[in-house]
Amino acid sequence: MRLPHRPATALAVPLLLTAAGCGSPAIPPPVDDRTPATPAVATTATGPRAFTLVATGDVLPHTEIIRQAQEDAGGTGYDFTRMFAGVTPLISGADLAICHMETVYGADGGPFTGYPTFKSPPQVARALKDAGYTSCDTASNHTLDDGPAGIRRTLDAMDAVGLAHTGSARDEAEAGGPALLRAGGATVAHLAYTYGTNGIPLPADRPWSVNLIDRDRILADARAARANGADVVAVSVHWGTEWQDTPNEQQLTLARELATGQGEGRPDIDLILGTHAHIPQAYEKINDTWAVYGLGDQLAGHMFTYDGAEDPRGNWSSIARFTFTPPNAPGLRWTVAKAEFIPQLTDLGPPYRVLDLREATHRAPGRTDYARALDHIRSVVLSRGAASAGLTMAP
């Protein structure tokens, strides 16, 4: 995100971290030493079971979103949980849930800022965890908005609430591997990359601070994850052309290269999850790999295109939901048995609230804006033949 946003000022208001917001829940042994949030393996009495994975788009707290969190907290601190309440049943109902945290977190007490250089309250992490997210990718064009300190604060806050993360790193060792998650008896590797950092150079002494898109590196990282025991590999990619409904040539080319493995044997990537464009884009199945070119913004304030016009598409998105089933014979892989999407919208209120658009349309049949958003999301999501590959809108 660059020009399409309303300029914002810092919010120099006190930040109070509650005991609940800082505490770390009791957790089982981690899959690796940097993902303490990893849940225990769930299997049936006879072995692995199917599991569901959901993924959502950009969490982008503009100034008005931060102010809403203040109001929801009663003026003392920040509470983002009420903004996510409308989709919490969907998120928490999945075995694994992946978010895209586009911004970094500010220091305790602020100041906090929206566009163009974001610093969000760290209570966002608690709200994401409470909504049911397992892991968040943190690779975006805003990852370096506050330098290494912003990355450290963000990942520290996620660790404190038990939220796994990937895409940016506090040290070189942390940058060397994916977030490893477990569900249904499967190990799921989550990797993340961004096209750039808004012209902010990678720190000379910390070139590993954020993962940049590089086809060969992504393929190598996925191959390494698979070799180290991952049963499923999901890759989050911050890419595309803002405000463009259709995926651009880079997205189409890279998705096909990642899904085919560039002729290096069986492809290692099972799922591609795109963010950045602000608006929903198509889903497509390429061989056995599902690619979501753009999930859209899950939580954002008023969104403006480059010509200064407010565009409601910047508050429309989809939730991707994939059901993976275990292999039925040795040497085979987990496969997607069901592919679904759920239309989603940030209602600008006030108050600002993220809604399951199916339910919202049913509850308020007179809201033509809801109906228009749902129809547009469905049309765009299915625009590259995903329906013929089995994708459906969840009932």
Protein backbone atom coordinates (compact mmCIF):
# COMPACT_ATOMS: atom_id res chain seq x y z
CA MET A 1 0.00 0.00 0.00
CA ARG A 2 1.19 3.39 -0.93
CA LEU A 3 -0.79 6.38 -2.19
CA PRO A 4 -4.36 5.07 -1.97
CA HIS A 5 -4.66 5.75 1.76
CA ARG A 6 -5.74 8.77 3.69
CA PRO A 7 -2.76 10.35 5.50
CA ALA A 8 -2.81 9.71 9.21
CA THR A 9 -1.24 11.20 12.29
CA ALA A 10 0.35 9.44 15.24
CA LEU A 11 -1.89 8.52 18.13
CA ALA A 12 0.13 9.51 21.18
CA VAL A 13 -2.20 7.85 23.67
CA PRO A 14 -1.27 5.57 26.57
CA LEU A 15 -0.98 1.86 25.89
CA LEU A 16 -1.85 -0.52 28.71
CA LEU A 17 -0.86 -4.16 28.38
CA THR A 18 -3.06 -6.30 30.57
CA ALA A 19 -1.93 -9.49 32.20
CA ALA A 20 -4.15 -11.40 29.80
CA GLY A 21 -2.56 -9.64 26.87
CA CYS A 22 0.99 -10.47 27.94
CA GLY A 23 0.59 -13.90 29.42
CA SER A 24 1.52 -17.05 27.54
CA PRO A 25 -0.94 -19.94 27.80
CA ALA A 26 0.04 -23.45 28.72
CA ILE A 27 1.21 -25.17 25.56
CA PRO A 28 2.42 -28.58 24.48
CA PRO A 29 5.99 -29.18 23.33
CA PRO A 30 6.69 -27.17 20.15
CA VAL A 31 7.37 -28.61 16.73
CA ASP A 32 10.53 -26.53 16.60
CA ASP A 33 12.25 -24.14 18.96
CA ARG A 34 10.75 -20.99 17.52
CA THR A 35 7.05 -21.84 17.27
CA PRO A 36 5.83 -22.26 20.87
CA ALA A 37 2.27 -21.75 19.68
CA THR A 38 2.20 -25.06 17.83
CA PRO A 39 -0.82 -27.09 18.94
CA ALA A 40 -0.65 -30.76 19.76
CA VAL A 41 -1.04 -33.36 17.04
CA ALA A 42 -4.64 -34.47 16.60
CA THR A 43 -5.24 -37.95 15.24
CA THR A 44 -7.97 -40.52 15.32
CA ALA A 45 -7.56 -43.86 17.04
CA THR A 46 -6.57 -45.36 13.71
CA GLY A 47 -4.22 -42.63 12.49
CA PRO A 48 -4.22 -39.18 10.88
CA ARG A 49 -7.47 -37.40 10.15
CA ALA A 50 -8.60 -34.70 7.75
CA PHE A 51 -8.05 -31.11 8.85
CA THR A 52 -9.24 -27.68 7.73
CA LEU A 53 -6.99 -24.71 7.02
CA VAL A 54 -8.36 -21.19 6.63
CA ALA A 55 -6.48 -18.12 5.45
CA THR A 56 -7.45 -14.45 5.44
CA GLY A 57 -6.14 -11.21 3.96
CA ASP A 58 -4.34 -8.09 5.05
CA VAL A 59 -4.75 -6.83 8.61
CA LEU A 60 -4.10 -3.14 8.08
CA PRO A 61 -4.89 -0.91 11.08
CA HIS A 62 -5.36 2.59 9.76
CA THR A 63 -5.70 5.44 12.25
CA GLU A 64 -9.48 5.09 12.42
CA ILE A 65 -9.13 1.36 13.18
CA ILE A 66 -6.75 2.15 16.06
CA ARG A 67 -9.22 4.71 17.39
CA GLN A 68 -12.00 2.14 17.17
CA ALA A 69 -9.89 -0.23 19.28
CA GLN A 70 -9.54 2.54 21.86
CA GLU A 71 -13.29 3.06 21.96
CA ASP A 72 -13.90 -0.69 22.24
CA ALA A 73 -11.51 -0.78 25.21
CA GLY A 74 -13.47 1.98 26.95
CA GLY A 75 -10.77 4.57 26.33
CA THR A 76 -8.08 2.71 28.27
CA GLY A 77 -5.80 0.60 26.12
CA TYR A 78 -6.82 -1.10 22.88
CA ASP A 79 -9.25 -3.92 22.20
CA PHE A 80 -9.37 -5.31 18.66
CA THR A 81 -11.32 -8.44 19.58
CA ARG A 82 -14.75 -6.94 18.94
CA MET A 83 -13.74 -6.02 15.40
CA PHE A 84 -12.99 -9.68 14.61
CA ALA A 85 -15.99 -11.13 16.50
CA GLY A 86 -18.10 -11.51 13.36
CA VAL A 87 -15.65 -14.01 11.83
CA THR A 88 -14.29 -15.58 15.02
CA PRO A 89 -16.53 -18.68 14.73
CA LEU A 90 -15.16 -19.34 11.23
CA ILE A 91 -11.55 -18.79 12.24
CA SER A 92 -11.66 -20.67 15.53
CA GLY A 93 -13.63 -23.49 13.90
CA ALA A 94 -10.70 -24.42 11.65
CA ASP A 95 -7.87 -26.70 12.68
CA LEU A 96 -5.32 -24.18 11.38
CA ALA A 97 -5.87 -20.50 10.64
CA ILE A 98 -3.38 -18.21 8.89
CA CYS A 99 -3.51 -14.41 8.89
CA HIS A 100 -1.49 -11.74 7.14
CA MET A 101 -0.21 -9.09 9.59
CA GLU A 102 0.79 -6.33 7.20
CA THR A 103 2.03 -3.79 9.74
CA VAL A 104 4.54 -3.80 12.57
CA TYR A 105 3.80 -2.96 16.18
CA GLY A 106 4.82 0.17 18.04
CA ALA A 107 6.38 0.46 21.47
CA ASP A 108 4.31 0.23 24.64
CA GLY A 109 2.50 3.52 25.06
CA GLY A 110 2.78 4.49 21.39
CA PRO A 111 2.75 6.65 19.45
CA PHE A 112 0.86 4.58 16.90
CA THR A 113 0.44 5.54 13.27
CA GLY A 114 -1.53 4.65 10.18
CA TYR A 115 -0.61 5.42 6.60
CA PRO A 116 2.01 5.93 5.26
CA THR A 117 4.34 4.49 7.92
CA PHE A 118 2.43 2.09 10.11
CA LYS A 119 2.98 1.28 13.77
CA SER A 120 0.09 -0.63 15.30
CA PRO A 121 -0.76 -1.38 18.94
CA PRO A 122 0.60 -4.78 19.98
CA GLN A 123 -2.85 -5.75 21.29
CA VAL A 124 -3.65 -6.72 17.70
CA ALA A 125 -1.73 -9.94 18.39
CA ARG A 126 -3.97 -10.85 21.31
CA ALA A 127 -7.09 -10.25 19.20
CA LEU A 128 -5.76 -12.45 16.40
CA LYS A 129 -4.95 -15.23 18.83
CA ASP A 130 -8.35 -14.95 20.51
CA ALA A 131 -10.05 -15.09 17.11
CA GLY A 132 -8.43 -18.49 16.60
CA TYR A 133 -5.41 -17.82 14.39
CA THR A 134 -2.54 -20.28 14.56
CA SER A 135 0.06 -18.44 12.50
CA CYS A 136 0.51 -15.06 10.83
CA ASP A 137 2.80 -14.13 8.00
CA THR A 138 4.67 -10.88 8.55
CA ALA A 139 6.34 -10.28 5.16
CA SER A 140 4.96 -7.14 3.50
CA ASN A 141 5.99 -3.84 1.97
CA HIS A 142 5.52 -2.34 5.46
CA THR A 143 7.71 -4.80 7.39
CA LEU A 144 10.58 -2.29 7.62
CA ASP A 145 8.40 0.73 8.46
CA ASP A 146 10.06 0.95 11.87
CA GLY A 147 13.27 -0.94 11.13
CA PRO A 148 14.52 -3.94 13.11
CA ALA A 149 12.88 -2.60 16.28
CA GLY A 150 9.45 -2.83 14.67
CA ILE A 151 10.08 -6.43 13.63
CA ARG A 152 11.29 -7.34 17.11
CA ARG A 153 8.28 -5.78 18.84
CA THR A 154 5.88 -7.50 16.45
CA LEU A 155 7.34 -10.96 16.82
CA ASP A 156 7.79 -10.54 20.59
CA ALA A 157 4.10 -9.66 20.91
CA MET A 158 3.10 -12.70 18.85
CA ASP A 159 5.31 -14.96 20.94
CA ALA A 160 3.77 -13.57 24.11
CA VAL A 161 0.29 -14.68 23.11
CA GLY A 162 1.31 -17.96 21.49
CA LEU A 163 0.91 -16.98 17.84
CA ALA A 164 3.31 -18.57 15.36
CA HIS A 165 4.83 -16.36 12.65
CA THR A 166 6.94 -16.40 9.50
CA GLY A 167 8.28 -13.95 6.90
CA SER A 168 10.39 -11.64 9.08
CA ALA A 169 13.02 -12.36 11.68
CA ARG A 170 14.86 -10.99 14.70
CA ASP A 171 18.04 -12.95 14.02
CA GLU A 172 19.58 -14.99 11.26
CA ALA A 173 18.73 -18.34 12.84
CA GLU A 174 15.06 -17.43 13.02
CA ALA A 175 15.08 -16.45 9.35
CA GLY A 176 16.33 -19.86 8.33
CA GLY A 177 13.11 -21.84 8.53
CA PRO A 178 9.32 -21.81 8.27
CA ALA A 179 6.70 -21.77 10.97
CA LEU A 180 5.87 -25.41 11.59
CA LEU A 181 2.28 -26.15 12.53
CA ARG A 182 0.48 -29.39 13.24
CA ALA A 183 -3.05 -30.55 12.65
CA GLY A 184 -4.74 -33.87 12.00
CA GLY A 185 -1.43 -35.65 12.42
CA ALA A 186 0.20 -33.60 9.65
CA THR A 187 3.08 -31.16 9.90
CA VAL A 188 2.32 -27.99 7.92
CA ALA A 189 5.17 -25.66 6.94
CA HIS A 190 4.19 -22.00 6.52
CA LEU A 191 6.55 -19.75 4.53
CA ALA A 192 6.14 -16.09 3.53
CA TYR A 193 7.74 -13.56 1.14
CA THR A 194 7.14 -10.00 -0.11
CA TYR A 195 7.85 -8.23 -3.40
CA GLY A 196 9.61 -5.34 -1.60
CA THR A 197 9.65 -2.91 1.31
CA ASN A 198 8.54 0.42 -0.19
CA GLY A 199 12.08 1.39 -1.11
CA ILE A 200 13.43 0.94 2.42
CA PRO A 201 16.66 -1.04 2.01
CA LEU A 202 17.28 -4.16 4.01
CA PRO A 203 19.60 -3.34 6.91
CA ALA A 204 23.17 -4.00 5.83
CA ASP A 205 23.87 -6.00 8.97
CA ARG A 206 20.47 -7.75 8.86
CA PRO A 207 19.78 -8.72 5.24
CA TRP A 208 17.62 -11.59 6.51
CA SER A 209 15.14 -9.27 8.31
CA VAL A 210 12.34 -9.94 5.82
CA ASN A 211 12.00 -12.56 3.10
CA LEU A 212 11.90 -11.12 -0.43
CA ILE A 213 10.31 -12.93 -3.35
CA ASP A 214 12.86 -15.02 -5.20
CA ARG A 215 11.56 -18.01 -7.13
CA ASP A 216 14.61 -20.18 -6.60
CA ARG A 217 14.77 -19.41 -2.90
CA ILE A 218 11.06 -20.15 -2.39
CA LEU A 219 11.40 -23.46 -4.20
CA ALA A 220 14.51 -24.33 -2.18
CA ASP A 221 12.86 -23.38 1.12
CA ALA A 222 9.81 -25.48 0.29
CA ARG A 223 12.01 -28.40 -0.72
CA ALA A 224 13.94 -28.13 2.54
CA ALA A 225 10.74 -28.00 4.56
CA ARG A 226 9.45 -31.10 2.81
CA ALA A 227 12.78 -32.89 3.35
CA ASN A 228 12.63 -32.01 7.04
CA GLY A 229 9.27 -33.66 7.52
CA ALA A 230 6.58 -31.23 6.35
CA ASP A 231 3.55 -33.04 4.97
CA VAL A 232 1.94 -29.85 3.60
CA VAL A 233 3.68 -26.62 2.48
CA ALA A 234 1.75 -23.33 2.40
CA VAL A 235 3.42 -20.21 0.97
CA SER A 236 2.13 -16.68 1.64
CA VAL A 237 3.17 -14.15 -1.03
CA HIS A 238 2.76 -10.35 -0.83
CA TRP A 239 2.52 -9.45 -4.52
CA GLY A 240 0.35 -8.13 -7.32
CA THR A 241 -0.91 -4.77 -8.58
CA GLU A 242 -2.95 -2.73 -6.14
CA TRP A 243 -6.60 -2.17 -7.12
CA GLN A 244 -6.38 -4.56 -10.06
CA ASP A 245 -9.03 -7.31 -10.01
CA THR A 246 -6.98 -9.60 -12.24
CA PRO A 247 -3.62 -11.10 -11.24
CA ASN A 248 -0.68 -9.52 -13.03
CA GLU A 249 1.93 -11.31 -15.10
CA GLN A 250 4.32 -11.76 -12.17
CA GLN A 251 1.61 -13.46 -10.13
CA LEU A 252 0.57 -15.76 -12.96
CA THR A 253 4.13 -16.70 -13.85
CA LEU A 254 5.38 -17.20 -10.32
CA ALA A 255 2.31 -19.16 -9.26
CA ARG A 256 2.80 -21.57 -12.15
CA GLU A 257 6.52 -21.93 -11.39
CA LEU A 258 5.85 -22.62 -7.73
CA ALA A 259 3.05 -25.04 -8.50
CA THR A 260 5.06 -27.01 -11.04
CA GLY A 261 8.39 -26.97 -9.23
CA GLN A 262 10.20 -25.95 -12.42
CA GLY A 263 10.72 -29.53 -13.56
CA GLU A 264 12.68 -30.50 -10.45
CA GLY A 265 10.55 -33.47 -9.56
CA ARG A 266 7.23 -33.47 -7.78
CA PRO A 267 6.27 -29.94 -6.66
CA ASP A 268 6.68 -29.28 -2.96
CA ILE A 269 4.15 -26.45 -2.54
CA ASP A 270 0.51 -27.33 -1.84
CA LEU A 271 -1.01 -23.90 -1.29
CA ILE A 272 -0.23 -20.31 -2.41
CA LEU A 273 -1.86 -17.48 -0.44
CA GLY A 274 -1.64 -14.01 -1.99
CA THR A 275 -1.99 -10.62 -0.31
CA HIS A 276 -1.26 -6.92 -1.04
CA ALA A 277 -3.65 -5.87 -3.83
CA HIS A 278 -6.26 -4.61 -1.28
CA ILE A 279 -9.06 -6.25 -3.22
CA PRO A 280 -10.15 -9.84 -3.74
CA GLN A 281 -8.67 -11.69 -6.69
CA ALA A 282 -9.14 -15.10 -8.29
CA TYR A 283 -8.48 -18.58 -6.98
CA GLU A 284 -7.00 -21.12 -9.40
CA LYS A 285 -5.94 -24.75 -9.23
CA ILE A 286 -2.63 -25.37 -10.99
CA ASN A 287 -1.94 -29.10 -11.18
CA ASP A 288 -2.53 -30.16 -7.55
CA THR A 289 -1.70 -26.76 -6.04
CA TRP A 290 -4.34 -24.18 -5.13
CA ALA A 291 -3.33 -20.56 -5.70
CA VAL A 292 -5.23 -17.65 -4.18
CA TYR A 293 -3.95 -14.62 -6.07
CA GLY A 294 -5.38 -12.08 -3.65
CA LEU A 295 -7.39 -12.49 -0.47
CA GLY A 296 -8.08 -8.76 -0.12
CA ASP A 297 -7.98 -6.58 2.99
CA GLN A 298 -9.53 -8.26 5.98
CA LEU A 299 -9.38 -5.26 8.31
CA ALA A 300 -8.74 -1.73 7.03
CA GLY A 301 -10.13 1.77 7.28
CA HIS A 302 -11.47 3.89 4.44
CA MET A 303 -9.53 2.96 1.29
CA PHE A 304 -8.66 5.31 -1.56
CA THR A 305 -7.36 4.59 -5.05
CA TYR A 306 -4.55 6.55 -6.68
CA ASP A 307 -6.90 9.18 -8.04
CA GLY A 308 -8.17 9.92 -4.51
CA ALA A 309 -11.54 8.21 -4.89
CA GLU A 310 -12.79 6.03 -2.06
CA ASP A 311 -13.18 2.44 -3.27
CA PRO A 312 -15.35 0.01 -1.28
CA ARG A 313 -13.48 -2.96 -2.76
CA GLY A 314 -10.68 -2.10 -0.32
CA ASN A 315 -12.89 -3.44 2.45
CA TRP A 316 -14.00 -6.60 0.64
CA SER A 317 -12.13 -9.91 0.88
CA SER A 318 -12.48 -13.66 0.96
CA ILE A 319 -11.67 -16.31 3.51
CA ALA A 320 -10.06 -19.35 1.89
CA ARG A 321 -10.86 -22.71 3.47
CA PHE A 322 -9.22 -25.95 2.37
CA THR A 323 -9.84 -29.42 3.78
CA PHE A 324 -6.80 -31.67 3.59
CA THR A 325 -7.12 -35.44 3.78
CA PRO A 326 -4.34 -37.89 4.68
CA PRO A 327 -2.76 -40.22 2.12
CA ASN A 328 -4.37 -43.62 1.78
CA ALA A 329 -1.16 -45.42 0.94
CA PRO A 330 2.55 -45.09 1.80
CA GLY A 331 4.46 -42.64 -0.36
CA LEU A 332 1.43 -40.55 -1.25
CA ARG A 333 0.72 -37.02 -0.03
CA TRP A 334 -1.99 -35.15 1.79
CA THR A 335 -4.45 -33.71 -0.70
CA VAL A 336 -7.14 -31.02 -0.78
CA ALA A 337 -10.50 -32.83 -0.69
CA LYS A 338 -12.60 -29.67 -0.47
CA ALA A 339 -11.87 -26.08 -1.53
CA GLU A 340 -14.17 -23.29 -0.34
CA PHE A 341 -14.31 -19.54 0.01
CA ILE A 342 -16.33 -17.31 2.30
CA PRO A 343 -16.99 -13.66 1.33
CA GLN A 344 -15.97 -11.18 4.00
CA LEU A 345 -16.36 -7.43 4.52
CA THR A 346 -15.15 -4.74 6.90
CA ASP A 347 -18.23 -2.69 7.70
CA LEU A 348 -17.07 0.89 8.18
CA GLY A 349 -19.90 1.59 10.57
CA PRO A 350 -19.22 3.17 12.84
CA PRO A 351 -18.31 0.96 14.55
CA TYR A 352 -15.78 -0.83 12.32
CA ARG A 353 -16.50 -4.56 12.24
CA VAL A 354 -15.30 -7.52 10.15
CA LEU A 355 -18.30 -9.53 8.95
CA ASP A 356 -19.03 -12.91 7.43
CA LEU A 357 -20.80 -11.48 4.40
CA ARG A 358 -23.07 -14.51 3.94
CA GLU A 359 -24.55 -14.03 7.40
CA ALA A 360 -24.60 -10.24 7.12
CA THR A 361 -26.55 -10.40 3.85
CA HIS A 362 -29.03 -12.84 5.36
CA ARG A 363 -29.56 -10.70 8.47
CA ALA A 364 -29.92 -7.47 6.50
CA PRO A 365 -31.51 -8.34 3.12
CA GLY A 366 -32.14 -4.67 2.43
CA ARG A 367 -28.43 -3.80 2.45
CA THR A 368 -27.74 -3.50 -1.26
CA ASP A 369 -24.09 -2.68 -0.51
CA TYR A 370 -23.70 -6.09 1.16
CA ALA A 371 -25.35 -7.84 -1.79
CA ARG A 372 -23.16 -5.97 -4.28
CA ALA A 373 -20.01 -6.86 -2.37
CA LEU A 374 -20.95 -10.54 -2.17
CA ASP A 375 -21.71 -10.74 -5.89
CA HIS A 376 -18.44 -9.01 -6.79
CA ILE A 377 -16.32 -11.22 -4.53
CA ARG A 378 -17.92 -14.38 -5.89
CA SER A 379 -17.46 -13.24 -9.49
CA VAL A 380 -13.81 -12.33 -9.07
CA VAL A 381 -12.89 -15.40 -7.02
CA LEU A 382 -14.33 -17.70 -9.69
CA SER A 383 -13.01 -15.70 -12.66
CA ARG A 384 -10.21 -18.13 -13.56
CA GLY A 385 -12.20 -21.34 -13.70
CA ALA A 386 -11.90 -22.37 -10.06
CA ALA A 387 -15.49 -23.62 -9.97
CA SER A 388 -14.70 -26.30 -12.54
CA ALA A 389 -11.79 -27.38 -10.32
CA GLY A 390 -14.15 -27.82 -7.36
CA LEU A 391 -14.11 -24.47 -5.57
CA THR A 392 -17.43 -23.52 -4.00
CA MET A 393 -18.74 -20.74 -1.79
CA ALA A 394 -19.32 -22.27 1.61
CA PRO A 395 -23.05 -22.54 2.37
